[in-house]
PDB file of N, CA and C in Angstrom:
ATOM      1  N   MET A   1     130.027   6.898 -63.589  1.00  0.00           N
ATOM      2  CA  MET A   1     129.954   5.487 -63.110  1.00  0.00           C
ATOM      3  C   MET A   1     128.362   5.647 -62.307  1.00  0.00           C
ATOM      4  N   PHE A   2     128.214   6.394 -61.591  1.00  0.00           N
ATOM      5  CA  PHE A   2     127.193   6.825 -60.921  1.00  0.00           C
ATOM      6  C   PHE A   2     125.825   6.739 -61.897  1.00  0.00           C
ATOM      7  N   LEU A   3     125.998   7.548 -62.823  1.00  0.00           N
ATOM      8  CA  LEU A   3     124.912   7.725 -63.798  1.00  0.00           C
ATOM      9  C   LEU A   3     124.868   5.991 -64.507  1.00  0.00           C
ATOM     10  N   TYR A   4     125.685   5.637 -64.675  1.00  0.00           N
ATOM     11  CA  TYR A   4     125.549   4.035 -65.472  1.00  0.00           C
ATOM     12  C   TYR A   4     125.065   3.244 -64.677  1.00  0.00           C
ATOM     13  N   GLY A   5     125.183   3.145 -63.314  1.00  0.00           N
ATOM     14  CA  GLY A   5     124.448   2.633 -62.396  1.00  0.00           C
ATOM     15  C   GLY A   5     123.049   2.766 -62.211  1.00  0.00           C
ATOM     16  N   ALA A   6     122.912   4.013 -62.363  1.00  0.00           N
ATOM     17  CA  ALA A   6     121.330   4.483 -62.266  1.00  0.00           C
ATOM     18  C   ALA A   6     120.627   4.081 -63.457  1.00  0.00           C
ATOM     19  N   LEU A   7     121.374   4.158 -64.641  1.00  0.00           N
ATOM     20  CA  LEU A   7     120.737   3.596 -65.905  1.00  0.00           C
ATOM     21  C   LEU A   7     120.642   1.880 -66.179  1.00  0.00           C
ATOM     22  N   THR A   8     121.372   1.577 -65.721  1.00  0.00           N
ATOM     23  CA  THR A   8     121.522   0.091 -65.956  1.00  0.00           C
ATOM     24  C   THR A   8     121.272  -0.973 -64.821  1.00  0.00           C
ATOM     25  N   GLY A   9     121.287  -0.410 -63.693  1.00  0.00           N
ATOM     26  CA  GLY A   9     121.245  -1.489 -62.393  1.00  0.00           C
ATOM     27  C   GLY A   9     120.028  -1.885 -62.360  1.00  0.00           C
ATOM     28  N   SER A  10     118.702  -1.519 -62.760  1.00  0.00           N
ATOM     29  CA  SER A  10     117.510  -1.855 -62.668  1.00  0.00           C
ATOM     30  C   SER A  10     117.158  -3.087 -63.785  1.00  0.00           C
ATOM     31  N   SER A  11     117.954  -2.855 -65.077  1.00  0.00           N
ATOM     32  CA  SER A  11     117.640  -3.857 -66.064  1.00  0.00           C
ATOM     33  C   SER A  11     118.548  -5.169 -65.944  1.00  0.00           C
ATOM     34  N   LYS A  12     119.503  -4.897 -65.064  1.00  0.00           N
ATOM     35  CA  LYS A  12     120.712  -5.786 -64.793  1.00  0.00           C
ATOM     36  C   LYS A  12     120.017  -6.896 -63.671  1.00  0.00           C
ATOM     37  N   ARG A  13     119.192  -6.167 -62.578  1.00  0.00           N
ATOM     38  CA  ARG A  13     118.319  -6.918 -61.698  1.00  0.00           C
ATOM     39  C   ARG A  13     117.429  -7.842 -62.072  1.00  0.00           C
ATOM     40  N   LYS A  14     116.762  -7.209 -63.192  1.00  0.00           N
ATOM     41  CA  LYS A  14     115.506  -7.779 -63.688  1.00  0.00           C
ATOM     42  C   LYS A  14     116.240  -9.103 -64.728  1.00  0.00           C
ATOM     43  N   GLU A  15     117.030  -8.709 -65.148  1.00  0.00           N
ATOM     44  CA  GLU A  15     117.962 -10.056 -66.047  1.00  0.00           C
ATOM     45  C   GLU A  15     118.317 -11.095 -65.459  1.00  0.00           C
ATOM     46  N   TRP A  16     118.845 -10.555 -64.113  1.00  0.00           N
ATOM     47  CA  TRP A  16     119.229 -11.877 -62.670  1.00  0.00           C
ATOM     48  C   TRP A  16     117.795 -12.269 -62.546  1.00  0.00           C
ATOM     49  N   GLN A  17     116.770 -11.679 -62.226  1.00  0.00           N
ATOM     50  CA  GLN A  17     115.824 -12.362 -61.577  1.00  0.00           C
ATOM     51  C   GLN A  17     115.070 -13.230 -62.734  1.00  0.00           C
ATOM     52  N   ASN A  18     115.211 -12.908 -64.017  1.00  0.00           N
ATOM     53  CA  ASN A  18     114.632 -13.415 -65.148  1.00  0.00           C
ATOM     54  C   ASN A  18     115.243 -14.843 -65.073  1.00  0.00           C
ATOM     55  N   ASN A  19     116.761 -14.943 -65.042  1.00  0.00           N
ATOM     56  CA  ASN A  19     117.761 -16.043 -65.109  1.00  0.00           C
ATOM     57  C   ASN A  19     117.266 -16.931 -63.916  1.00  0.00           C
ATOM     58  N   LEU A  20     117.037 -16.454 -62.912  1.00  0.00           N
ATOM     59  CA  LEU A  20     116.827 -17.301 -61.517  1.00  0.00           C
ATOM     60  C   LEU A  20     115.486 -17.884 -61.947  1.00  0.00           C
ATOM     61  N   ILE A  21     114.279 -17.310 -62.234  1.00  0.00           N
ATOM     62  CA  ILE A  21     112.982 -18.044 -62.631  1.00  0.00           C
ATOM     63  C   ILE A  21     113.329 -19.160 -63.634  1.00  0.00           C
ATOM     64  N   ILE A  22     114.025 -18.842 -64.637  1.00  0.00           N
ATOM     65  CA  ILE A  22     114.222 -20.109 -65.721  1.00  0.00           C
ATOM     66  C   ILE A  22     114.891 -21.378 -65.081  1.00  0.00           C
ATOM     67  N   ARG A  23     116.142 -21.182 -64.048  1.00  0.00           N
ATOM     68  CA  ARG A  23     116.911 -21.901 -63.512  1.00  0.00           C
ATOM     69  C   ARG A  23     115.878 -22.776 -62.566  1.00  0.00           C
ATOM     70  N   GLU A  24     114.778 -21.847 -61.680  1.00  0.00           N
ATOM     71  CA  GLU A  24     114.167 -22.747 -60.777  1.00  0.00           C
ATOM     72  C   GLU A  24     113.138 -23.286 -61.553  1.00  0.00           C
ATOM     73  N   ARG A  25     112.638 -23.111 -62.642  1.00  0.00           N
ATOM     74  CA  ARG A  25     111.850 -24.108 -63.661  1.00  0.00           C
ATOM     75  C   ARG A  25     112.745 -25.087 -64.230  1.00  0.00           C
ATOM     76  N   GLN A  26     113.705 -24.936 -64.391  1.00  0.00           N
ATOM     77  CA  GLN A  26     114.369 -26.161 -65.034  1.00  0.00           C
ATOM     78  C   GLN A  26     114.762 -27.124 -63.911  1.00  0.00           C
ATOM     79  N   THR A  27     115.051 -26.782 -62.908  1.00  0.00           N
ATOM     80  CA  THR A  27     115.504 -27.508 -61.555  1.00  0.00           C
ATOM     81  C   THR A  27     114.047 -28.370 -61.261  1.00  0.00           C
ATOM     82  N   LEU A  28     112.944 -27.519 -61.260  1.00  0.00           N
ATOM     83  CA  LEU A  28     111.558 -28.292 -61.043  1.00  0.00           C
ATOM     84  C   LEU A  28     111.480 -29.346 -61.944  1.00  0.00           C
ATOM     85  N   SER A  29     111.323 -28.995 -63.243  1.00  0.00           N
ATOM     86  CA  SER A  29     111.165 -29.964 -64.390  1.00  0.00           C
ATOM     87  C   SER A  29     111.913 -31.262 -64.054  1.00  0.00           C
ATOM     88  N   LYS A  30     113.147 -31.057 -63.696  1.00  0.00           N
ATOM     89  CA  LYS A  30     114.191 -32.173 -63.599  1.00  0.00           C
ATOM     90  C   LYS A  30     114.098 -32.907 -62.545  1.00  0.00           C
ATOM     91  N   THR A  31     113.425 -32.444 -61.278  1.00  0.00           N
ATOM     92  CA  THR A  31     113.366 -33.436 -60.149  1.00  0.00           C
ATOM     93  C   THR A  31     111.684 -33.663 -60.175  1.00  0.00           C
ATOM     94  N   GLY A  32     110.776 -32.821 -60.432  1.00  0.00           N
ATOM     95  CA  GLY A  32     109.252 -32.919 -60.479  1.00  0.00           C
ATOM     96  C   GLY A  32     108.779 -32.610 -59.364  1.00  0.00           C
ATOM     97  N   LYS A  33     109.574 -32.145 -58.121  1.00  0.00           N
ATOM     98  CA  LYS A  33     109.301 -31.612 -56.796  1.00  0.00           C
ATOM     99  C   LYS A  33     110.101 -30.494 -56.585  1.00  0.00           C
ATOM    100  N   ASP A  34     109.798 -29.825 -55.850  1.00  0.00           N
ATOM    101  CA  ASP A  34     110.780 -28.794 -54.903  1.00  0.00           C
ATOM    102  C   ASP A  34     111.361 -29.559 -53.800  1.00  0.00           C
ATOM    103  N   VAL A  35     112.665 -29.732 -53.889  1.00  0.00           N
ATOM    104  CA  VAL A  35     113.681 -30.435 -52.648  1.00  0.00           C
ATOM    105  C   VAL A  35     113.587 -29.589 -51.731  1.00  0.00           C
ATOM    106  N   LEU A  36     113.433 -28.447 -51.685  1.00  0.00           N
ATOM    107  CA  LEU A  36     113.677 -27.758 -50.116  1.00  0.00           C
ATOM    108  C   LEU A  36     112.236 -27.638 -49.668  1.00  0.00           C
ATOM    109  N   SER A  37     112.588 -27.993 -48.396  1.00  0.00           N
ATOM    110  CA  SER A  37     111.670 -28.066 -47.185  1.00  0.00           C
ATOM    111  C   SER A  37     112.090 -27.340 -45.980  1.00  0.00           C
ATOM    112  N   MET A  38     111.067 -26.247 -45.514  1.00  0.00           N
ATOM    113  CA  MET A  38     111.627 -25.435 -44.325  1.00  0.00           C
ATOM    114  C   MET A  38     110.881 -26.080 -43.201  1.00  0.00           C
ATOM    115  N   ASP A  39     110.225 -27.300 -43.393  1.00  0.00           N
ATOM    116  CA  ASP A  39     109.656 -27.818 -42.397  1.00  0.00           C
ATOM    117  C   ASP A  39     110.493 -28.730 -41.553  1.00  0.00           C
ATOM    118  N   LYS A  40     110.575 -27.860 -39.961  1.00  0.00           N
ATOM    119  CA  LYS A  40     111.574 -28.792 -39.340  1.00  0.00           C
ATOM    120  C   LYS A  40     110.928 -29.456 -38.326  1.00  0.00           C
ATOM    121  N   LEU A  41     109.921 -29.788 -37.938  1.00  0.00           N
ATOM    122  CA  LEU A  41     109.032 -30.495 -37.398  1.00  0.00           C
ATOM    123  C   LEU A  41     109.108 -31.985 -37.533  1.00  0.00           C
ATOM    124  N   ARG A  42     108.762 -32.065 -39.240  1.00  0.00           N
ATOM    125  CA  ARG A  42     108.563 -33.417 -39.641  1.00  0.00           C
ATOM    126  C   ARG A  42     110.029 -33.871 -40.310  1.00  0.00           C
ATOM    127  N   ARG A  43     110.280 -35.065 -39.996  1.00  0.00           N
ATOM    128  CA  ARG A  43     111.590 -35.288 -40.755  1.00  0.00           C
ATOM    129  C   ARG A  43     111.305 -36.708 -41.636  1.00  0.00           C
ATOM    130  N   PRO A  44     111.601 -36.696 -42.705  1.00  0.00           N
ATOM    131  CA  PRO A  44     111.491 -37.845 -43.711  1.00  0.00           C
ATOM    132  C   PRO A  44     111.448 -39.224 -43.234  1.00  0.00           C
ATOM    133  N   GLN A  45     111.042 -40.146 -43.497  1.00  0.00           N
ATOM    134  CA  GLN A  45     111.190 -41.441 -43.328  1.00  0.00           C
ATOM    135  C   GLN A  45     112.063 -42.050 -44.412  1.00  0.00           C
ATOM    136  N   ASN A  46     112.588 -43.317 -43.890  1.00  0.00           N
ATOM    137  CA  ASN A  46     113.377 -44.042 -44.789  1.00  0.00           C
ATOM    138  C   ASN A  46     114.475 -43.219 -45.422  1.00  0.00           C
ATOM    139  N   VAL A  47     115.101 -42.731 -44.569  1.00  0.00           N
ATOM    140  CA  VAL A  47     116.522 -41.887 -45.193  1.00  0.00           C
ATOM    141  C   VAL A  47     117.721 -43.036 -45.107  1.00  0.00           C
ATOM    142  N   SER A  48     118.313 -43.293 -46.218  1.00  0.00           N
ATOM    143  CA  SER A  48     119.340 -43.883 -46.466  1.00  0.00           C
ATOM    144  C   SER A  48     120.427 -43.334 -46.456  1.00  0.00           C
ATOM    145  N   GLU A  49     120.668 -42.093 -46.873  1.00  0.00           N
ATOM    146  CA  GLU A  49     122.005 -41.587 -46.901  1.00  0.00           C
ATOM    147  C   GLU A  49     121.592 -39.807 -46.465  1.00  0.00           C
ATOM    148  N   SER A  50     122.316 -38.937 -45.824  1.00  0.00           N
ATOM    149  CA  SER A  50     122.271 -37.785 -45.278  1.00  0.00           C
ATOM    150  C   SER A  50     123.370 -37.017 -45.665  1.00  0.00           C
ATOM    151  N   GLY A  51     123.484 -35.641 -45.648  1.00  0.00           N
ATOM    152  CA  GLY A  51     125.004 -34.897 -45.547  1.00  0.00           C
ATOM    153  C   GLY A  51     124.390 -33.633 -45.419  1.00  0.00           C
ATOM    154  N   VAL A  52     125.317 -32.650 -45.757  1.00  0.00           N
ATOM    155  CA  VAL A  52     125.071 -31.349 -44.954  1.00  0.00           C
ATOM    156  C   VAL A  52     125.734 -30.541 -46.328  1.00  0.00           C
ATOM    157  N   ILE A  53     124.854 -29.590 -46.984  1.00  0.00           N
ATOM    158  CA  ILE A  53     125.214 -28.861 -47.953  1.00  0.00           C
ATOM    159  C   ILE A  53     124.981 -27.273 -47.618  1.00  0.00           C
ATOM    160  N   TRP A  54     125.397 -26.257 -48.083  1.00  0.00           N
ATOM    161  CA  TRP A  54     125.285 -24.985 -47.510  1.00  0.00           C
ATOM    162  C   TRP A  54     125.802 -24.085 -48.678  1.00  0.00           C
ATOM    163  N   THR A  55     125.224 -23.012 -48.806  1.00  0.00           N
ATOM    164  CA  THR A  55     125.479 -21.860 -49.796  1.00  0.00           C
ATOM    165  C   THR A  55     125.544 -20.483 -49.053  1.00  0.00           C
ATOM    166  N   SER A  56     125.868 -19.834 -49.744  1.00  0.00           N
ATOM    167  CA  SER A  56     125.888 -17.965 -49.357  1.00  0.00           C
ATOM    168  C   SER A  56     126.003 -17.242 -50.516  1.00  0.00           C
ATOM    169  N   ILE A  57     125.708 -15.804 -50.023  1.00  0.00           N
ATOM    170  CA  ILE A  57     125.661 -15.063 -50.912  1.00  0.00           C
ATOM    171  C   ILE A  57     125.685 -13.480 -50.372  1.00  0.00           C
ATOM    172  N   VAL A  58     126.713 -12.894 -51.096  1.00  0.00           N
ATOM    173  CA  VAL A  58     126.731 -11.451 -50.410  1.00  0.00           C
ATOM    174  C   VAL A  58     126.389 -10.624 -51.579  1.00  0.00           C
ATOM    175  N   ILE A  59     125.506  -9.741 -50.882  1.00  0.00           N
ATOM    176  CA  ILE A  59     124.604  -8.680 -51.995  1.00  0.00           C
ATOM    177  C   ILE A  59     124.459  -7.679 -51.193  1.00  0.00           C
ATOM    178  N   GLY A  60     124.610  -6.537 -52.128  1.00  0.00           N
ATOM    179  CA  GLY A  60     124.215  -5.176 -51.348  1.00  0.00           C
ATOM    180  C   GLY A  60     123.558  -4.175 -52.398  1.00  0.00           C
ATOM    181  N   PRO A  61     123.205  -3.134 -51.681  1.00  0.00           N
ATOM    182  CA  PRO A  61     122.807  -1.992 -52.682  1.00  0.00           C
ATOM    183  C   PRO A  61     123.867  -1.184 -53.457  1.00  0.00           C
ATOM    184  N   SER A  62     123.729  -0.706 -54.690  1.00  0.00           N
ATOM    185  CA  SER A  62     124.575   0.116 -55.332  1.00  0.00           C
ATOM    186  C   SER A  62     124.425   1.517 -54.747  1.00  0.00           C
ATOM    187  N   HIS A  63     125.296   2.366 -55.096  1.00  0.00           N
ATOM    188  CA  HIS A  63     125.381   3.730 -54.666  1.00  0.00           C
ATOM    189  C   HIS A  63     123.959   4.289 -55.142  1.00  0.00           C
ATOM    190  N   TRP A  64     123.479   4.125 -56.375  1.00  0.00           N
ATOM    191  CA  TRP A  64     122.359   4.528 -56.752  1.00  0.00           C
ATOM    192  C   TRP A  64     120.834   4.292 -55.813  1.00  0.00           C
ATOM    193  N   GLN A  65     120.844   2.846 -55.423  1.00  0.00           N
ATOM    194  CA  GLN A  65     119.942   2.102 -54.620  1.00  0.00           C
ATOM    195  C   GLN A  65     120.169   3.021 -53.254  1.00  0.00           C
ATOM    196  N   GLN A  66     121.281   2.969 -52.941  1.00  0.00           N
ATOM    197  CA  GLN A  66     121.358   3.668 -51.338  1.00  0.00           C
ATOM    198  C   GLN A  66     120.862   5.147 -51.549  1.00  0.00           C
ATOM    199  N   LEU A  67     121.003   6.041 -52.511  1.00  0.00           N
ATOM    200  CA  LEU A  67     120.633   7.299 -52.831  1.00  0.00           C
ATOM    201  C   LEU A  67     119.195   7.392 -52.571  1.00  0.00           C
ATOM    202  N   VAL A  68     118.485   6.458 -53.753  1.00  0.00           N
ATOM    203  CA  VAL A  68     117.130   6.255 -53.726  1.00  0.00           C
ATOM    204  C   VAL A  68     116.361   6.186 -52.279  1.00  0.00           C
ATOM    205  N   ALA A  69     117.230   5.093 -51.671  1.00  0.00           N
ATOM    206  CA  ALA A  69     116.799   4.657 -50.133  1.00  0.00           C
ATOM    207  C   ALA A  69     116.549   6.146 -49.066  1.00  0.00           C
ATOM    208  N   ALA A  70     118.101   6.579 -49.347  1.00  0.00           N
ATOM    209  CA  ALA A  70     118.203   7.784 -48.345  1.00  0.00           C
ATOM    210  C   ALA A  70     116.990   8.833 -48.784  1.00  0.00           C
ATOM    211  N   ILE A  71     116.602   9.157 -49.856  1.00  0.00           N
ATOM    212  CA  ILE A  71     115.376   9.806 -50.133  1.00  0.00           C
ATOM    213  C   ILE A  71     114.046   9.357 -49.796  1.00  0.00           C
ATOM    214  N   TYR A  72     113.795   8.064 -49.818  1.00  0.00           N
ATOM    215  CA  TYR A  72     112.641   7.515 -49.304  1.00  0.00           C
ATOM    216  C   TYR A  72     112.782   7.602 -47.816  1.00  0.00           C
ATOM    217  N   MET A  73     113.777   7.593 -47.078  1.00  0.00           N
ATOM    218  CA  MET A  73     113.727   7.810 -45.702  1.00  0.00           C
ATOM    219  C   MET A  73     113.732   9.222 -45.240  1.00  0.00           C
ATOM    220  N   LEU A  74     113.762  10.216 -46.160  1.00  0.00           N
ATOM    221  CA  LEU A  74     113.502  11.445 -45.843  1.00  0.00           C
ATOM    222  C   LEU A  74     112.311  11.689 -45.671  1.00  0.00           C
ATOM    223  N   PHE A  75     111.428  11.139 -46.711  1.00  0.00           N
ATOM    224  CA  PHE A  75     109.978  11.537 -46.979  1.00  0.00           C
ATOM    225  C   PHE A  75     109.288  10.404 -46.090  1.00  0.00           C
ATOM    226  N   GLY A  76     109.585   9.487 -46.121  1.00  0.00           N
ATOM    227  CA  GLY A  76     108.887   8.317 -45.450  1.00  0.00           C
ATOM    228  C   GLY A  76     108.381   7.309 -46.450  1.00  0.00           C
ATOM    229  N   GLY A  77     107.764   6.231 -45.800  1.00  0.00           N
ATOM    230  CA  GLY A  77     107.509   5.289 -47.002  1.00  0.00           C
ATOM    231  C   GLY A  77     108.350   3.955 -46.825  1.00  0.00           C
ATOM    232  N   SER A  78     107.981   2.923 -47.619  1.00  0.00           N
ATOM    233  CA  SER A  78     108.505   1.863 -47.657  1.00  0.00           C
ATOM    234  C   SER A  78     109.892   1.607 -48.236  1.00  0.00           C
ATOM    235  N   ILE A  79     110.806   1.322 -48.254  1.00  0.00           N
ATOM    236  CA  ILE A  79     111.932   1.084 -48.794  1.00  0.00           C
ATOM    237  C   ILE A  79     112.310  -0.043 -49.770  1.00  0.00           C
ATOM    238  N   ASP A  80     111.604   0.029 -50.838  1.00  0.00           N
ATOM    239  CA  ASP A  80     111.470  -1.168 -51.733  1.00  0.00           C
ATOM    240  C   ASP A  80     112.682  -1.489 -52.243  1.00  0.00           C
ATOM    241  N   VAL A  81     113.434  -0.746 -52.431  1.00  0.00           N
ATOM    242  CA  VAL A  81     114.765  -1.120 -52.934  1.00  0.00           C
ATOM    243  C   VAL A  81     115.261  -2.288 -52.085  1.00  0.00           C
ATOM    244  N   TYR A  82     115.640  -1.817 -50.935  1.00  0.00           N
ATOM    245  CA  TYR A  82     116.261  -2.767 -49.938  1.00  0.00           C
ATOM    246  C   TYR A  82     115.667  -3.983 -50.045  1.00  0.00           C
ATOM    247  N   ARG A  83     113.952  -4.064 -49.696  1.00  0.00           N
ATOM    248  CA  ARG A  83     113.121  -4.998 -49.611  1.00  0.00           C
ATOM    249  C   ARG A  83     113.513  -6.263 -51.091  1.00  0.00           C
ATOM    250  N   ASP A  84     113.296  -5.592 -52.064  1.00  0.00           N
ATOM    251  CA  ASP A  84     113.652  -6.253 -53.352  1.00  0.00           C
ATOM    252  C   ASP A  84     114.847  -7.025 -53.498  1.00  0.00           C
ATOM    253  N   LEU A  85     115.890  -6.168 -53.123  1.00  0.00           N
ATOM    254  CA  LEU A  85     117.057  -6.919 -53.082  1.00  0.00           C
ATOM    255  C   LEU A  85     117.301  -8.167 -52.138  1.00  0.00           C
ATOM    256  N   ILE A  86     117.138  -7.927 -51.107  1.00  0.00           N
ATOM    257  CA  ILE A  86     116.871  -9.040 -50.034  1.00  0.00           C
ATOM    258  C   ILE A  86     116.252 -10.055 -50.610  1.00  0.00           C
ATOM    259  N   ALA A  87     115.047  -9.918 -51.167  1.00  0.00           N
ATOM    260  CA  ALA A  87     114.189 -11.083 -51.489  1.00  0.00           C
ATOM    261  C   ALA A  87     114.725 -11.576 -52.683  1.00  0.00           C
ATOM    262  N   LEU A  88     115.604 -11.002 -53.522  1.00  0.00           N
ATOM    263  CA  LEU A  88     116.446 -11.709 -54.769  1.00  0.00           C
ATOM    264  C   LEU A  88     117.266 -12.422 -54.392  1.00  0.00           C
ATOM    265  N   GLY A  89     118.216 -11.821 -53.152  1.00  0.00           N
ATOM    266  CA  GLY A  89     119.333 -12.710 -52.645  1.00  0.00           C
ATOM    267  C   GLY A  89     118.803 -13.838 -51.979  1.00  0.00           C
ATOM    268  N   ARG A  90     117.591 -13.827 -51.384  1.00  0.00           N
ATOM    269  CA  ARG A  90     117.165 -15.168 -50.684  1.00  0.00           C
ATOM    270  C   ARG A  90     116.477 -16.291 -51.786  1.00  0.00           C
ATOM    271  N   SER A  91     116.335 -15.744 -52.978  1.00  0.00           N
ATOM    272  CA  SER A  91     115.612 -16.287 -53.805  1.00  0.00           C
ATOM    273  C   SER A  91     116.910 -17.482 -54.420  1.00  0.00           C
ATOM    274  N   GLU A  92     118.085 -16.619 -54.518  1.00  0.00           N
ATOM    275  CA  GLU A  92     119.199 -17.215 -55.050  1.00  0.00           C
ATOM    276  C   GLU A  92     119.844 -17.922 -54.301  1.00  0.00           C
ATOM    277  N   VAL A  93     120.029 -18.074 -53.198  1.00  0.00           N
ATOM    278  CA  VAL A  93     120.345 -18.819 -52.068  1.00  0.00           C
ATOM    279  C   VAL A  93     119.664 -20.012 -51.932  1.00  0.00           C
ATOM    280  N   PHE A  94     118.137 -20.266 -52.202  1.00  0.00           N
ATOM    281  CA  PHE A  94     117.290 -21.278 -52.314  1.00  0.00           C
ATOM    282  C   PHE A  94     117.884 -21.986 -53.480  1.00  0.00           C
ATOM    283  N   GLN A  95     117.654 -21.376 -54.537  1.00  0.00           N
ATOM    284  CA  GLN A  95     117.909 -21.687 -55.756  1.00  0.00           C
ATOM    285  C   GLN A  95     119.187 -22.713 -55.914  1.00  0.00           C
ATOM    286  N   ARG A  96     120.330 -22.142 -55.280  1.00  0.00           N
ATOM    287  CA  ARG A  96     121.646 -22.619 -55.207  1.00  0.00           C
ATOM    288  C   ARG A  96     121.688 -23.950 -54.394  1.00  0.00           C
ATOM    289  N   LEU A  97     120.738 -23.988 -53.442  1.00  0.00           N
ATOM    290  CA  LEU A  97     120.547 -25.036 -52.535  1.00  0.00           C
ATOM    291  C   LEU A  97     119.931 -26.319 -53.422  1.00  0.00           C
ATOM    292  N   ARG A  98     118.909 -26.014 -54.261  1.00  0.00           N
ATOM    293  CA  ARG A  98     118.274 -26.818 -54.679  1.00  0.00           C
ATOM    294  C   ARG A  98     119.139 -27.678 -56.044  1.00  0.00           C
ATOM    295  N   GLU A  99     119.975 -26.632 -56.554  1.00  0.00           N
ATOM    296  CA  GLU A  99     121.007 -27.176 -57.636  1.00  0.00           C
ATOM    297  C   GLU A  99     122.149 -28.107 -57.105  1.00  0.00           C
ATOM    298  N   MET A 100     122.453 -27.430 -55.604  1.00  0.00           N
ATOM    299  CA  MET A 100     123.412 -28.267 -55.047  1.00  0.00           C
ATOM    300  C   MET A 100     122.940 -29.968 -54.683  1.00  0.00           C
ATOM    301  N   ALA A 101     121.543 -29.773 -54.397  1.00  0.00           N
ATOM    302  CA  ALA A 101     121.119 -30.931 -53.667  1.00  0.00           C
ATOM    303  C   ALA A 101     120.709 -31.975 -54.780  1.00  0.00           C
ATOM    304  N   THR A 102     120.386 -31.576 -56.106  1.00  0.00           N
ATOM    305  CA  THR A 102     120.288 -32.048 -57.203  1.00  0.00           C
ATOM    306  C   THR A 102     121.288 -32.955 -57.857  1.00  0.00           C
ATOM    307  N   ASP A 103     122.487 -31.714 -57.809  1.00  0.00           N
ATOM    308  CA  ASP A 103     123.943 -32.190 -58.345  1.00  0.00           C
ATOM    309  C   ASP A 103     124.442 -33.408 -57.784  1.00  0.00           C
ATOM    310  N   LYS A 104     124.141 -33.610 -56.315  1.00  0.00           N
ATOM    311  CA  LYS A 104     124.663 -34.302 -55.151  1.00  0.00           C
ATOM    312  C   LYS A 104     123.517 -36.013 -55.116  1.00  0.00           C
ATOM    313  N   GLY A 105     122.628 -35.696 -55.745  1.00  0.00           N
ATOM    314  CA  GLY A 105     121.531 -36.982 -55.657  1.00  0.00           C
ATOM    315  C   GLY A 105     120.744 -36.960 -54.702  1.00  0.00           C
ATOM    316  N   TYR A 106     120.575 -35.858 -53.849  1.00  0.00           N
ATOM    317  CA  TYR A 106     119.590 -35.757 -52.715  1.00  0.00           C
ATOM    318  C   TYR A 106     118.015 -35.521 -53.230  1.00  0.00           C
ATOM    319  N   ASP A 107     117.375 -36.197 -52.425  1.00  0.00           N
ATOM    320  CA  ASP A 107     116.013 -35.838 -52.945  1.00  0.00           C
ATOM    321  C   ASP A 107     114.957 -34.701 -52.186  1.00  0.00           C
ATOM    322  N   ALA A 108     115.864 -34.337 -50.968  1.00  0.00           N
ATOM    323  CA  ALA A 108     115.217 -33.476 -50.109  1.00  0.00           C
ATOM    324  C   ALA A 108     116.219 -32.805 -49.231  1.00  0.00           C
ATOM    325  N   VAL A 109     115.965 -31.239 -49.061  1.00  0.00           N
ATOM    326  CA  VAL A 109     116.750 -30.562 -48.305  1.00  0.00           C
ATOM    327  C   VAL A 109     115.930 -30.233 -47.219  1.00  0.00           C
ATOM    328  N   ILE A 110     116.277 -30.424 -45.902  1.00  0.00           N
ATOM    329  CA  ILE A 110     115.421 -30.166 -44.915  1.00  0.00           C
ATOM    330  C   ILE A 110     116.099 -28.921 -43.852  1.00  0.00           C
ATOM    331  N   GLY A 111     115.424 -28.090 -43.312  1.00  0.00           N
ATOM    332  CA  GLY A 111     115.887 -26.914 -42.344  1.00  0.00           C
ATOM    333  C   GLY A 111     116.115 -25.699 -43.204  1.00  0.00           C
TER     334      GLY A 111
END
């Protein structure tokens, strides 16, 4: 199992990342703009309806990724395995928010 994870983990992560990019492009072409806004200072004008949407993800490193990270910790340097995994999880959550907002007919997600 460990060897299987070592051999296939990277390709599965890249497949997930490519699928995520395709979904992002589909959502942007459907709405014509990015509905996410992390600007907490400006509020949209003429709001007719609002609601709360949320999403979450649980993501963690595989045993292989933990071994690679442990080796990097011994010799020093940036632990890209964790950074890339967290970035992918964050992008997935943002895309899920976009999809939920467009499915509910919202044209903006604030905060």
